Amino acid sequence: MKLKIKELKGIILIELKGNVMGGPDASSLNEELHKLIDAGKNKVVVDLGEVKFMNSSGLGMLIGALTTVRNAGGNLKLARASEKIEQLLVVTKLVTVFEHFDAVDEALASFK
């Protein structure tokens, strides 16, 4: 998995690319989130548009990220999940936990 972080109008955009499988990837995402939170950045959008595959550990990684951000008084929203990943969110009932948007712009605008 590749991780790219940008800041757009005070909101952090994390672009994930490749296969999201948890493990060392979860550690690197968690470290980055803690750095951002320490810098006062707690509004996060995770762009899943380039994610090919996600397993249960990958879902766990997203849940951990959401918990970290919410504990810091912020929120984490998902954007551009593929149909496969969206079905995974529905089956696991995580669709009720995460706010999900079809486009990154919509997710960013939802913080207003």
C-alpha atoms as a PDB file:
ATOM      1  CA  MET A   1       0.000   0.000   0.000  1.00  0.00           C
ATOM      2  CA  LYS A   2       1.159   3.503  -0.795  1.00  0.00           C
ATOM      3  CA  LEU A   3       0.142   6.456   1.336  1.00  0.00           C
ATOM      4  CA  LYS A   4       0.059  10.070   0.183  1.00  0.00           C
ATOM      5  CA  ILE A   5      -0.953  12.936   2.459  1.00  0.00           C
ATOM      6  CA  LYS A   6      -2.082  16.392   1.340  1.00  0.00           C
ATOM      7  CA  GLU A   7      -3.725  19.288   3.106  1.00  0.00           C
ATOM      8  CA  LEU A   8      -6.617  21.038   1.369  1.00  0.00           C
ATOM      9  CA  LYS A   9      -8.249  24.031   3.092  1.00  0.00           C
ATOM     10  CA  GLY A  10      -7.291  22.763   6.558  1.00  0.00           C
ATOM     11  CA  ILE A  11      -8.554  19.235   5.877  1.00  0.00           C
ATOM     12  CA  ILE A  12      -6.151  16.323   5.549  1.00  0.00           C
ATOM     13  CA  LEU A  13      -6.580  14.115   2.488  1.00  0.00           C
ATOM     14  CA  ILE A  14      -4.967  10.688   2.749  1.00  0.00           C
ATOM     15  CA  GLU A  15      -4.777   8.856  -0.567  1.00  0.00           C
ATOM     16  CA  LEU A  16      -4.347   5.093  -0.291  1.00  0.00           C
ATOM     17  CA  LYS A  17      -3.175   3.116  -3.304  1.00  0.00           C
ATOM     18  CA  GLY A  18      -2.764  -0.623  -3.911  1.00  0.00           C
ATOM     19  CA  ASN A  19      -3.793  -3.385  -1.514  1.00  0.00           C
ATOM     20  CA  VAL A  20      -4.828  -2.402   2.014  1.00  0.00           C
ATOM     21  CA  MET A  21      -3.876  -5.353   4.190  1.00  0.00           C
ATOM     22  CA  GLY A  22      -3.166  -3.898   7.643  1.00  0.00           C
ATOM     23  CA  GLY A  23       0.103  -5.046   9.274  1.00  0.00           C
ATOM     24  CA  PRO A  24       3.028  -2.643   8.724  1.00  0.00           C
ATOM     25  CA  ASP A  25       0.717  -0.398   6.660  1.00  0.00           C
ATOM     26  CA  ALA A  26      -1.496   0.089   9.722  1.00  0.00           C
ATOM     27  CA  SER A  27       1.526   1.165  11.749  1.00  0.00           C
ATOM     28  CA  SER A  28       2.625   3.736   9.183  1.00  0.00           C
ATOM     29  CA  LEU A  29      -0.916   5.169   8.876  1.00  0.00           C
ATOM     30  CA  ASN A  30      -1.226   5.329  12.670  1.00  0.00           C
ATOM     31  CA  GLU A  31       2.129   7.134  13.003  1.00  0.00           C
ATOM     32  CA  GLU A  32       1.131   9.689  10.359  1.00  0.00           C
ATOM     33  CA  LEU A  33      -2.245  10.281  12.030  1.00  0.00           C
ATOM     34  CA  HIS A  34      -0.605  10.891  15.401  1.00  0.00           C
ATOM     35  CA  LYS A  35       1.784  13.429  13.813  1.00  0.00           C
ATOM     36  CA  LEU A  36      -1.175  15.211  12.193  1.00  0.00           C
ATOM     37  CA  ILE A  37      -3.196  15.218  15.420  1.00  0.00           C
ATOM     38  CA  ASP A  38      -0.200  16.567  17.360  1.00  0.00           C
ATOM     39  CA  ALA A  39      -0.138  19.390  14.800  1.00  0.00           C
ATOM     40  CA  GLY A  40      -3.832  20.098  15.484  1.00  0.00           C
ATOM     41  CA  LYS A  41      -5.133  18.482  12.290  1.00  0.00           C
ATOM     42  CA  ASN A  42      -8.122  16.265  13.051  1.00  0.00           C
ATOM     43  CA  LYS A  43     -10.341  16.546   9.964  1.00  0.00           C
ATOM     44  CA  VAL A  44      -9.423  13.665   7.679  1.00  0.00           C
ATOM     45  CA  VAL A  45     -10.698  12.266   4.380  1.00  0.00           C
ATOM     46  CA  VAL A  46      -9.373   8.888   3.217  1.00  0.00           C
ATOM     47  CA  ASP A  47      -9.510   8.522  -0.573  1.00  0.00           C
ATOM     48  CA  LEU A  48      -9.975   4.846  -1.461  1.00  0.00           C
ATOM     49  CA  GLY A  49     -10.234   5.419  -5.223  1.00  0.00           C
ATOM     50  CA  GLU A  50      -6.927   3.689  -5.997  1.00  0.00           C
ATOM     51  CA  VAL A  51      -7.380   0.765  -3.569  1.00  0.00           C
ATOM     52  CA  LYS A  52      -7.506  -2.535  -5.457  1.00  0.00           C
ATOM     53  CA  PHE A  53      -8.179  -4.902  -2.544  1.00  0.00           C
ATOM     54  CA  MET A  54      -8.892  -4.652   1.172  1.00  0.00           C
ATOM     55  CA  ASN A  55      -8.976  -7.496   3.687  1.00  0.00           C
ATOM     56  CA  SER A  56     -10.292  -7.587   7.267  1.00  0.00           C
ATOM     57  CA  SER A  57      -6.964  -6.284   8.601  1.00  0.00           C
ATOM     58  CA  GLY A  58      -7.280  -3.343   6.212  1.00  0.00           C
ATOM     59  CA  LEU A  59     -10.771  -2.655   7.577  1.00  0.00           C
ATOM     60  CA  GLY A  60      -9.352  -2.885  11.085  1.00  0.00           C
ATOM     61  CA  MET A  61      -6.727  -0.333  10.102  1.00  0.00           C
ATOM     62  CA  LEU A  62      -9.475   2.094   8.985  1.00  0.00           C
ATOM     63  CA  ILE A  63     -11.441   1.523  12.207  1.00  0.00           C
ATOM     64  CA  GLY A  64      -8.285   2.219  14.226  1.00  0.00           C
ATOM     65  CA  ALA A  65      -7.708   5.414  12.234  1.00  0.00           C
ATOM     66  CA  LEU A  66     -11.314   6.535  12.814  1.00  0.00           C
ATOM     67  CA  THR A  67     -11.006   5.878  16.557  1.00  0.00           C
ATOM     68  CA  THR A  68      -7.700   7.769  16.773  1.00  0.00           C
ATOM     69  CA  VAL A  69      -9.123  10.806  14.977  1.00  0.00           C
ATOM     70  CA  ARG A  70     -12.424  10.822  16.898  1.00  0.00           C
ATOM     71  CA  ASN A  71     -10.576  10.525  20.225  1.00  0.00           C
ATOM     72  CA  ALA A  72      -8.746  13.708  19.196  1.00  0.00           C
ATOM     73  CA  GLY A  73     -12.087  15.484  18.704  1.00  0.00           C
ATOM     74  CA  GLY A  74     -12.107  15.169  14.923  1.00  0.00           C
ATOM     75  CA  ASN A  75     -13.649  12.975  12.266  1.00  0.00           C
ATOM     76  CA  LEU A  76     -12.516  10.707   9.452  1.00  0.00           C
ATOM     77  CA  LYS A  77     -14.592  10.214   6.314  1.00  0.00           C
ATOM     78  CA  LEU A  78     -14.167   7.884   3.350  1.00  0.00           C
ATOM     79  CA  ALA A  79     -14.335   8.810  -0.327  1.00  0.00           C
ATOM     80  CA  ARG A  80     -14.385   6.926  -3.639  1.00  0.00           C
ATOM     81  CA  ALA A  81     -14.630   3.370  -2.299  1.00  0.00           C
ATOM     82  CA  SER A  82     -14.958   0.839  -5.109  1.00  0.00           C
ATOM     83  CA  GLU A  83     -18.105  -1.256  -5.353  1.00  0.00           C
ATOM     84  CA  LYS A  84     -16.212  -4.212  -3.813  1.00  0.00           C
ATOM     85  CA  ILE A  85     -15.059  -2.177  -0.821  1.00  0.00           C
ATOM     86  CA  GLU A  86     -18.473  -0.589  -0.409  1.00  0.00           C
ATOM     87  CA  GLN A  87     -20.016  -4.091  -0.309  1.00  0.00           C
ATOM     88  CA  LEU A  88     -17.438  -5.035   2.333  1.00  0.00           C
ATOM     89  CA  LEU A  89     -18.545  -2.013   4.405  1.00  0.00           C
ATOM     90  CA  VAL A  90     -22.203  -3.041   4.014  1.00  0.00           C
ATOM     91  CA  VAL A  91     -21.620  -6.711   4.935  1.00  0.00           C
ATOM     92  CA  THR A  92     -19.609  -5.742   8.026  1.00  0.00           C
ATOM     93  CA  LYS A  93     -22.164  -3.022   8.898  1.00  0.00           C
ATOM     94  CA  LEU A  94     -19.312  -0.497   8.932  1.00  0.00           C
ATOM     95  CA  VAL A  95     -21.334   1.538   6.441  1.00  0.00           C
ATOM     96  CA  THR A  96     -23.214   2.760   9.548  1.00  0.00           C
ATOM     97  CA  VAL A  97     -19.951   3.780  11.246  1.00  0.00           C
ATOM     98  CA  PHE A  98     -18.129   5.598   8.440  1.00  0.00           C
ATOM     99  CA  GLU A  99     -19.462   8.544   6.488  1.00  0.00           C
ATOM    100  CA  HIS A 100     -18.805   7.700   2.838  1.00  0.00           C
ATOM    101  CA  PHE A 101     -18.887   9.956  -0.206  1.00  0.00           C
ATOM    102  CA  ASP A 102     -18.705   9.225  -3.947  1.00  0.00           C
ATOM    103  CA  ALA A 103     -16.261  12.086  -4.555  1.00  0.00           C
ATOM    104  CA  VAL A 104     -13.380  13.582  -2.591  1.00  0.00           C
ATOM    105  CA  ASP A 105     -14.832  17.081  -3.088  1.00  0.00           C
ATOM    106  CA  GLU A 106     -18.109  16.006  -1.441  1.00  0.00           C
ATOM    107  CA  ALA A 107     -16.236  14.550   1.538  1.00  0.00           C
ATOM    108  CA  LEU A 108     -14.163  17.720   1.936  1.00  0.00           C
ATOM    109  CA  ALA A 109     -17.276  19.915   1.670  1.00  0.00           C
ATOM    110  CA  SER A 110     -19.050  17.864   4.367  1.00  0.00           C
ATOM    111  CA  PHE A 111     -16.692  19.338   6.983  1.00  0.00           C
ATOM    112  CA  LYS A 112     -18.140  22.849   6.477  1.00  0.00           C
END
